[in-house]
PDB file of N, CA and C in Angstrom:
ATOM      1  N   UNK A   1     114.072 113.820 149.742  1.00  0.00           N
ATOM      2  CA  UNK A   1     114.448 114.916 150.600  1.00  0.00           C
ATOM      3  C   UNK A   1     113.241 115.309 151.449  1.00  0.00           C
ATOM      4  N   UNK A   2     113.464 115.536 152.713  1.00  0.00           N
ATOM      5  CA  UNK A   2     112.385 115.955 153.591  1.00  0.00           C
ATOM      6  C   UNK A   2     111.995 117.389 153.287  1.00  0.00           C
ATOM      7  N   UNK A   3     110.743 117.717 153.501  1.00  0.00           N
ATOM      8  CA  UNK A   3     110.227 119.054 153.206  1.00  0.00           C
ATOM      9  C   UNK A   3     110.999 120.136 153.961  1.00  0.00           C
ATOM     10  N   UNK A   4     111.347 119.890 155.207  1.00  0.00           N
ATOM     11  CA  UNK A   4     112.025 120.891 156.024  1.00  0.00           C
ATOM     12  C   UNK A   4     113.465 121.136 155.611  1.00  0.00           C
ATOM     13  N   UNK A   5     114.039 120.252 154.815  1.00  0.00           N
ATOM     14  CA  UNK A   5     115.451 120.397 154.474  1.00  0.00           C
ATOM     15  C   UNK A   5     115.666 121.124 153.146  1.00  0.00           C
ATOM     16  N   UNK A   6     114.598 121.544 152.479  1.00  0.00           N
ATOM     17  CA  UNK A   6     114.749 122.268 151.218  1.00  0.00           C
ATOM     18  C   UNK A   6     115.304 123.660 151.478  1.00  0.00           C
ATOM     19  N   UNK A   7     116.185 124.101 150.602  1.00  0.00           N
ATOM     20  CA  UNK A   7     116.727 125.444 150.693  1.00  0.00           C
ATOM     21  C   UNK A   7     115.741 126.384 150.016  1.00  0.00           C
ATOM     22  N   UNK A   8     115.185 127.299 150.783  1.00  0.00           N
ATOM     23  CA  UNK A   8     114.153 128.174 150.254  1.00  0.00           C
ATOM     24  C   UNK A   8     114.352 129.580 150.815  1.00  0.00           C
ATOM     25  N   UNK A   9     114.406 130.557 149.939  1.00  0.00           N
ATOM     26  CA  UNK A   9     114.525 131.951 150.338  1.00  0.00           C
ATOM     27  C   UNK A   9     113.142 132.456 150.727  1.00  0.00           C
ATOM     28  N   UNK A  10     112.986 132.846 151.985  1.00  0.00           N
ATOM     29  CA  UNK A  10     111.692 133.286 152.498  1.00  0.00           C
ATOM     30  C   UNK A  10     111.738 134.743 152.918  1.00  0.00           C
ATOM     31  N   UNK A  11     110.805 135.533 152.418  1.00  0.00           N
ATOM     32  CA  UNK A  11     110.707 136.924 152.873  1.00  0.00           C
ATOM     33  C   UNK A  11     109.883 136.939 154.147  1.00  0.00           C
ATOM     34  N   UNK A  12     110.407 137.577 155.179  1.00  0.00           N
ATOM     35  CA  UNK A  12     109.679 137.688 156.443  1.00  0.00           C
ATOM     36  C   UNK A  12     108.748 138.902 156.366  1.00  0.00           C
ATOM     37  N   UNK A  13     107.963 139.090 157.399  1.00  0.00           N
ATOM     38  CA  UNK A  13     107.068 140.247 157.464  1.00  0.00           C
ATOM     39  C   UNK A  13     107.809 141.494 157.941  1.00  0.00           C
ATOM     40  N   UNK A  14     109.042 141.348 158.374  1.00  0.00           N
ATOM     41  CA  UNK A  14     109.794 142.452 158.965  1.00  0.00           C
ATOM     42  C   UNK A  14     110.546 143.261 157.921  1.00  0.00           C
ATOM     43  N   UNK A  15     110.845 144.496 158.283  1.00  0.00           N
ATOM     44  CA  UNK A  15     111.624 145.402 157.439  1.00  0.00           C
ATOM     45  C   UNK A  15     112.834 145.881 158.226  1.00  0.00           C
ATOM     46  N   UNK A  16     113.870 146.264 157.501  1.00  0.00           N
ATOM     47  CA  UNK A  16     115.068 146.820 158.118  1.00  0.00           C
ATOM     48  C   UNK A  16     115.190 148.288 157.706  1.00  0.00           C
ATOM     49  N   UNK A  17     116.356 148.848 157.941  1.00  0.00           N
ATOM     50  CA  UNK A  17     116.600 150.241 157.576  1.00  0.00           C
ATOM     51  C   UNK A  17     116.338 150.460 156.092  1.00  0.00           C
ATOM     52  N   UNK A  18     115.910 151.654 155.750  1.00  0.00           N
ATOM     53  CA  UNK A  18     115.631 152.065 154.377  1.00  0.00           C
ATOM     54  C   UNK A  18     114.525 151.212 153.755  1.00  0.00           C
ATOM     55  N   UNK A  19     113.669 150.669 154.612  1.00  0.00           N
ATOM     56  CA  UNK A  19     112.483 149.913 154.204  1.00  0.00           C
ATOM     57  C   UNK A  19     112.815 148.651 153.404  1.00  0.00           C
ATOM     58  N   UNK A  20     113.972 148.057 153.649  1.00  0.00           N
ATOM     59  CA  UNK A  20     114.337 146.820 152.955  1.00  0.00           C
ATOM     60  C   UNK A  20     113.689 145.618 153.632  1.00  0.00           C
ATOM     61  N   UNK A  21     113.193 144.712 152.827  1.00  0.00           N
ATOM     62  CA  UNK A  21     112.609 143.477 153.352  1.00  0.00           C
ATOM     63  C   UNK A  21     113.705 142.591 153.933  1.00  0.00           C
ATOM     64  N   UNK A  22     113.349 141.868 154.979  1.00  0.00           N
ATOM     65  CA  UNK A  22     114.265 140.933 155.622  1.00  0.00           C
ATOM     66  C   UNK A  22     113.906 139.528 155.153  1.00  0.00           C
ATOM     67  N   UNK A  23     114.933 138.767 154.789  1.00  0.00           N
ATOM     68  CA  UNK A  23     114.756 137.406 154.271  1.00  0.00           C
ATOM     69  C   UNK A  23     115.438 136.407 155.183  1.00  0.00           C
ATOM     70  N   UNK A  24     114.963 135.170 155.102  1.00  0.00           N
ATOM     71  CA  UNK A  24     115.597 134.061 155.809  1.00  0.00           C
ATOM     72  C   UNK A  24     115.956 132.999 154.780  1.00  0.00           C
ATOM     73  N   UNK A  25     117.155 132.454 154.915  1.00  0.00           N
ATOM     74  CA  UNK A  25     117.624 131.406 154.011  1.00  0.00           C
ATOM     75  C   UNK A  25     118.471 130.434 154.812  1.00  0.00           C
ATOM     76  N   UNK A  26     118.071 129.207 154.875  1.00  0.00           N
ATOM     77  CA  UNK A  26     118.711 128.129 155.645  1.00  0.00           C
ATOM     78  C   UNK A  26     119.176 128.593 157.027  1.00  0.00           C
ATOM     79  N   UNK A  27     118.306 129.319 157.720  1.00  0.00           N
ATOM     80  CA  UNK A  27     118.594 129.760 159.079  1.00  0.00           C
ATOM     81  C   UNK A  27     119.341 131.072 159.185  1.00  0.00           C
ATOM     82  N   UNK A  28     119.740 131.660 158.071  1.00  0.00           N
ATOM     83  CA  UNK A  28     120.443 132.939 158.080  1.00  0.00           C
ATOM     84  C   UNK A  28     119.460 134.054 157.737  1.00  0.00           C
ATOM     85  N   UNK A  29     119.622 135.192 158.391  1.00  0.00           N
ATOM     86  CA  UNK A  29     118.701 136.312 158.203  1.00  0.00           C
ATOM     87  C   UNK A  29     119.467 137.501 157.656  1.00  0.00           C
ATOM     88  N   UNK A  30     118.872 138.162 156.652  1.00  0.00           N
ATOM     89  CA  UNK A  30     119.534 139.330 156.090  1.00  0.00           C
ATOM     90  C   UNK A  30     118.671 140.038 155.061  1.00  0.00           C
ATOM     91  N   UNK A  31     119.298 140.940 154.329  1.00  0.00           N
ATOM     92  CA  UNK A  31     118.647 141.676 153.249  1.00  0.00           C
ATOM     93  C   UNK A  31     119.356 141.323 151.948  1.00  0.00           C
ATOM     94  N   UNK A  32     118.668 141.471 150.845  1.00  0.00           N
ATOM     95  CA  UNK A  32     119.237 141.111 149.551  1.00  0.00           C
ATOM     96  C   UNK A  32     120.071 142.242 148.964  1.00  0.00           C
ATOM     97  N   UNK A  33     121.204 141.877 148.404  1.00  0.00           N
ATOM     98  CA  UNK A  33     122.052 142.874 147.758  1.00  0.00           C
ATOM     99  C   UNK A  33     121.301 143.544 146.607  1.00  0.00           C
ATOM    100  N   UNK A  34     120.463 142.811 145.914  1.00  0.00           N
ATOM    101  CA  UNK A  34     119.699 143.393 144.808  1.00  0.00           C
ATOM    102  C   UNK A  34     118.778 144.510 145.298  1.00  0.00           C
ATOM    103  N   UNK A  35     118.309 144.427 146.545  1.00  0.00           N
ATOM    104  CA  UNK A  35     117.501 145.508 147.117  1.00  0.00           C
ATOM    105  C   UNK A  35     118.380 146.703 147.491  1.00  0.00           C
ATOM    106  N   UNK A  36     119.577 146.437 148.000  1.00  0.00           N
ATOM    107  CA  UNK A  36     120.498 147.523 148.348  1.00  0.00           C
ATOM    108  C   UNK A  36     120.904 148.284 147.089  1.00  0.00           C
ATOM    109  N   UNK A  37     121.046 147.581 145.966  1.00  0.00           N
ATOM    110  CA  UNK A  37     121.429 148.222 144.703  1.00  0.00           C
ATOM    111  C   UNK A  37     120.449 149.304 144.276  1.00  0.00           C
ATOM    112  N   UNK A  38     119.230 149.224 144.727  1.00  0.00           N
ATOM    113  CA  UNK A  38     118.206 150.203 144.359  1.00  0.00           C
ATOM    114  C   UNK A  38     118.339 151.509 145.134  1.00  0.00           C
ATOM    115  N   UNK A  39     119.188 151.517 146.155  1.00  0.00           N
ATOM    116  CA  UNK A  39     119.373 152.698 146.997  1.00  0.00           C
ATOM    117  C   UNK A  39     120.510 153.567 146.480  1.00  0.00           C
ATOM    118  N   UNK A  40     120.401 154.876 146.702  1.00  0.00           N
ATOM    119  CA  UNK A  40     121.451 155.818 146.276  1.00  0.00           C
ATOM    120  C   UNK A  40     122.776 155.574 146.989  1.00  0.00           C
ATOM    121  N   UNK A  41     122.746 154.922 148.135  1.00  0.00           N
ATOM    122  CA  UNK A  41     123.970 154.703 148.912  1.00  0.00           C
ATOM    123  C   UNK A  41     124.698 153.422 148.528  1.00  0.00           C
ATOM    124  N   UNK A  42     124.258 152.739 147.485  1.00  0.00           N
ATOM    125  CA  UNK A  42     124.837 151.434 147.123  1.00  0.00           C
ATOM    126  C   UNK A  42     126.344 151.512 146.871  1.00  0.00           C
ATOM    127  N   UNK A  43     126.809 152.489 146.104  1.00  0.00           N
ATOM    128  CA  UNK A  43     128.252 152.585 145.816  1.00  0.00           C
ATOM    129  C   UNK A  43     129.063 152.767 147.092  1.00  0.00           C
ATOM    130  N   UNK A  44     128.555 153.582 148.005  1.00  0.00           N
ATOM    131  CA  UNK A  44     129.246 153.771 149.282  1.00  0.00           C
ATOM    132  C   UNK A  44     129.241 152.466 150.083  1.00  0.00           C
ATOM    133  N   UNK A  45     128.108 151.787 150.089  1.00  0.00           N
ATOM    134  CA  UNK A  45     128.019 150.517 150.802  1.00  0.00           C
ATOM    135  C   UNK A  45     129.044 149.528 150.246  1.00  0.00           C
ATOM    136  N   UNK A  46     129.204 149.488 148.925  1.00  0.00           N
ATOM    137  CA  UNK A  46     130.188 148.577 148.318  1.00  0.00           C
ATOM    138  C   UNK A  46     131.598 148.856 148.825  1.00  0.00           C
ATOM    139  N   UNK A  47     131.939 150.133 148.942  1.00  0.00           N
ATOM    140  CA  UNK A  47     133.289 150.508 149.393  1.00  0.00           C
ATOM    141  C   UNK A  47     133.550 150.079 150.826  1.00  0.00           C
ATOM    142  N   UNK A  48     132.577 150.300 151.697  1.00  0.00           N
ATOM    143  CA  UNK A  48     132.821 150.037 153.120  1.00  0.00           C
ATOM    144  C   UNK A  48     132.475 148.615 153.549  1.00  0.00           C
ATOM    145  N   UNK A  49     131.838 147.849 152.685  1.00  0.00           N
ATOM    146  CA  UNK A  49     131.439 146.493 153.083  1.00  0.00           C
ATOM    147  C   UNK A  49     132.323 145.422 152.467  1.00  0.00           C
ATOM    148  N   UNK A  50     133.458 145.789 151.945  1.00  0.00           N
ATOM    149  CA  UNK A  50     134.322 144.815 151.267  1.00  0.00           C
ATOM    150  C   UNK A  50     134.694 143.632 152.133  1.00  0.00           C
ATOM    151  N   UNK A  51     134.801 143.822 153.439  1.00  0.00           N
ATOM    152  CA  UNK A  51     135.202 142.736 154.324  1.00  0.00           C
ATOM    153  C   UNK A  51     134.005 141.958 154.871  1.00  0.00           C
ATOM    154  N   UNK A  52     132.806 142.370 154.514  1.00  0.00           N
ATOM    155  CA  UNK A  52     131.612 141.690 155.022  1.00  0.00           C
ATOM    156  C   UNK A  52     131.380 140.377 154.278  1.00  0.00           C
ATOM    157  N   UNK A  53     130.894 139.412 155.019  1.00  0.00           N
ATOM    158  CA  UNK A  53     130.554 138.121 154.431  1.00  0.00           C
ATOM    159  C   UNK A  53     129.110 138.152 153.959  1.00  0.00           C
ATOM    160  N   UNK A  54     128.864 137.582 152.787  1.00  0.00           N
ATOM    161  CA  UNK A  54     127.509 137.472 152.255  1.00  0.00           C
ATOM    162  C   UNK A  54     127.278 136.018 151.862  1.00  0.00           C
ATOM    163  N   UNK A  55     126.037 135.631 151.851  1.00  0.00           N
ATOM    164  CA  UNK A  55     125.652 134.267 151.503  1.00  0.00           C
ATOM    165  C   UNK A  55     125.021 134.277 150.114  1.00  0.00           C
ATOM    166  N   UNK A  56     125.523 133.465 149.229  1.00  0.00           N
ATOM    167  CA  UNK A  56     124.956 133.359 147.888  1.00  0.00           C
ATOM    168  C   UNK A  56     123.647 132.583 147.979  1.00  0.00           C
ATOM    169  N   UNK A  57     122.578 133.177 147.442  1.00  0.00           N
ATOM    170  CA  UNK A  57     121.256 132.551 147.480  1.00  0.00           C
ATOM    171  C   UNK A  57     120.697 132.459 146.068  1.00  0.00           C
ATOM    172  N   UNK A  58     119.727 131.591 145.892  1.00  0.00           N
ATOM    173  CA  UNK A  58     119.076 131.432 144.599  1.00  0.00           C
ATOM    174  C   UNK A  58     117.586 131.663 144.765  1.00  0.00           C
ATOM    175  N   UNK A  59     117.053 132.585 143.962  1.00  0.00           N
ATOM    176  CA  UNK A  59     115.614 132.842 143.968  1.00  0.00           C
ATOM    177  C   UNK A  59     114.900 131.667 143.314  1.00  0.00           C
ATOM    178  N   UNK A  60     113.594 131.579 143.531  1.00  0.00           N
ATOM    179  CA  UNK A  60     112.798 130.524 142.899  1.00  0.00           C
ATOM    180  C   UNK A  60     112.922 130.564 141.381  1.00  0.00           C
ATOM    181  N   UNK A  61     113.181 131.753 140.831  1.00  0.00           N
ATOM    182  CA  UNK A  61     113.328 131.913 139.377  1.00  0.00           C
ATOM    183  C   UNK A  61     114.657 131.358 138.865  1.00  0.00           C
ATOM    184  N   UNK A  62     115.562 131.008 139.790  1.00  0.00           N
ATOM    185  CA  UNK A  62     116.875 130.513 139.410  1.00  0.00           C
ATOM    186  C   UNK A  62     117.938 131.593 139.400  1.00  0.00           C
ATOM    187  N   UNK A  63     117.529 132.839 139.606  1.00  0.00           N
ATOM    188  CA  UNK A  63     118.459 133.972 139.615  1.00  0.00           C
ATOM    189  C   UNK A  63     119.249 133.990 140.921  1.00  0.00           C
ATOM    190  N   UNK A  64     120.549 134.251 140.813  1.00  0.00           N
ATOM    191  CA  UNK A  64     121.415 134.313 141.997  1.00  0.00           C
ATOM    192  C   UNK A  64     121.407 135.709 142.603  1.00  0.00           C
ATOM    193  N   UNK A  65     121.637 135.765 143.888  1.00  0.00           N
ATOM    194  CA  UNK A  65     121.687 137.025 144.626  1.00  0.00           C
ATOM    195  C   UNK A  65     122.575 136.796 145.837  1.00  0.00           C
ATOM    196  N   UNK A  66     122.837 137.843 146.583  1.00  0.00           N
ATOM    197  CA  UNK A  66     123.593 137.722 147.823  1.00  0.00           C
ATOM    198  C   UNK A  66     122.733 138.165 148.987  1.00  0.00           C
ATOM    199  N   UNK A  67     122.765 137.396 150.057  1.00  0.00           N
ATOM    200  CA  UNK A  67     122.081 137.751 151.291  1.00  0.00           C
ATOM    201  C   UNK A  67     123.109 138.418 152.197  1.00  0.00           C
ATOM    202  N   UNK A  68     122.893 139.692 152.464  1.00  0.00           N
ATOM    203  CA  UNK A  68     123.771 140.453 153.358  1.00  0.00           C
ATOM    204  C   UNK A  68     123.257 140.217 154.768  1.00  0.00           C
ATOM    205  N   UNK A  69     124.124 139.712 155.618  1.00  0.00           N
ATOM    206  CA  UNK A  69     123.697 139.389 156.973  1.00  0.00           C
ATOM    207  C   UNK A  69     123.107 140.618 157.651  1.00  0.00           C
ATOM    208  N   UNK A  70     121.996 140.421 158.341  1.00  0.00           N
ATOM    209  CA  UNK A  70     121.261 141.512 158.950  1.00  0.00           C
ATOM    210  C   UNK A  70     122.121 142.311 159.920  1.00  0.00           C
ATOM    211  N   UNK A  71     122.935 141.644 160.704  1.00  0.00           N
ATOM    212  CA  UNK A  71     123.802 142.351 161.657  1.00  0.00           C
ATOM    213  C   UNK A  71     124.698 143.345 160.925  1.00  0.00           C
ATOM    214  N   UNK A  72     125.328 142.904 159.834  1.00  0.00           N
ATOM    215  CA  UNK A  72     126.227 143.778 159.077  1.00  0.00           C
ATOM    216  C   UNK A  72     125.460 144.940 158.441  1.00  0.00           C
ATOM    217  N   UNK A  73     124.299 144.655 157.858  1.00  0.00           N
ATOM    218  CA  UNK A  73     123.511 145.700 157.210  1.00  0.00           C
ATOM    219  C   UNK A  73     123.039 146.748 158.223  1.00  0.00           C
ATOM    220  N   UNK A  74     122.572 146.301 159.381  1.00  0.00           N
ATOM    221  CA  UNK A  74     122.070 147.246 160.370  1.00  0.00           C
ATOM    222  C   UNK A  74     123.195 148.041 161.012  1.00  0.00           C
ATOM    223  N   UNK A  75     124.349 147.429 161.180  1.00  0.00           N
ATOM    224  CA  UNK A  75     125.504 148.175 161.702  1.00  0.00           C
ATOM    225  C   UNK A  75     125.913 149.258 160.714  1.00  0.00           C
ATOM    226  N   UNK A  76     126.022 148.909 159.423  1.00  0.00           N
ATOM    227  CA  UNK A  76     126.328 149.895 158.392  1.00  0.00           C
ATOM    228  C   UNK A  76     125.286 151.010 158.398  1.00  0.00           C
ATOM    229  N   UNK A  77     124.019 150.649 158.449  1.00  0.00           N
ATOM    230  CA  UNK A  77     122.934 151.633 158.367  1.00  0.00           C
ATOM    231  C   UNK A  77     122.981 152.626 159.519  1.00  0.00           C
ATOM    232  N   UNK A  78     123.219 152.130 160.724  1.00  0.00           N
ATOM    233  CA  UNK A  78     123.303 153.039 161.885  1.00  0.00           C
ATOM    234  C   UNK A  78     124.450 154.020 161.721  1.00  0.00           C
ATOM    235  N   UNK A  79     125.595 153.539 161.299  1.00  0.00           N
ATOM    236  CA  UNK A  79     126.752 154.425 161.103  1.00  0.00           C
ATOM    237  C   UNK A  79     126.460 155.434 160.000  1.00  0.00           C
ATOM    238  N   UNK A  80     125.874 154.974 158.910  1.00  0.00           N
ATOM    239  CA  UNK A  80     125.565 155.861 157.785  1.00  0.00           C
ATOM    240  C   UNK A  80     124.571 156.948 158.184  1.00  0.00           C
ATOM    241  N   UNK A  81     123.552 156.577 158.913  1.00  0.00           N
ATOM    242  CA  UNK A  81     122.536 157.548 159.350  1.00  0.00           C
ATOM    243  C   UNK A  81     123.144 158.555 160.313  1.00  0.00           C
ATOM    244  N   UNK A  82     123.985 158.101 161.228  1.00  0.00           N
ATOM    245  CA  UNK A  82     124.546 158.981 162.260  1.00  0.00           C
ATOM    246  C   UNK A  82     125.694 159.868 161.754  1.00  0.00           C
ATOM    247  N   UNK A  83     126.444 159.389 160.747  1.00  0.00           N
ATOM    248  CA  UNK A  83     127.633 160.132 160.333  1.00  0.00           C
ATOM    249  C   UNK A  83     127.613 160.537 158.852  1.00  0.00           C
ATOM    250  N   UNK A  84     126.798 159.884 158.060  1.00  0.00           N
ATOM    251  CA  UNK A  84     126.817 160.135 156.613  1.00  0.00           C
ATOM    252  C   UNK A  84     127.900 159.350 155.901  1.00  0.00           C
ATOM    253  N   UNK A  85     128.622 158.502 156.623  1.00  0.00           N
ATOM    254  CA  UNK A  85     129.699 157.689 156.049  1.00  0.00           C
ATOM    255  C   UNK A  85     129.538 156.239 156.422  1.00  0.00           C
TER     256      UNK A  85
END
C-alpha cells in the first residue's frame, strides 16, 4: 500500500465552534462526535441532527468514533448560538 493511501485520522490546527478540534479523514473534514459528547448541548444536538450524515472513523488506538461533517456542525452551531435551539 502506498503511504498516501493509508486511512489516517488527522487533527488539524484549526478549531470550530465551542473550541472543538477539526479533523481530516480520507479527504473529509469535521469534528468528532466524542468531542461533542463532552458539551452540555449534546442531547439537543442528537435530537436535531438525526438526519445528518456522519463518517465512521477509527482512531490509532482502534477505537471507533464518528466524524460529523464540518458543514453540518457549523450550521447547527450557528443556529444554536442565535436561537438557543
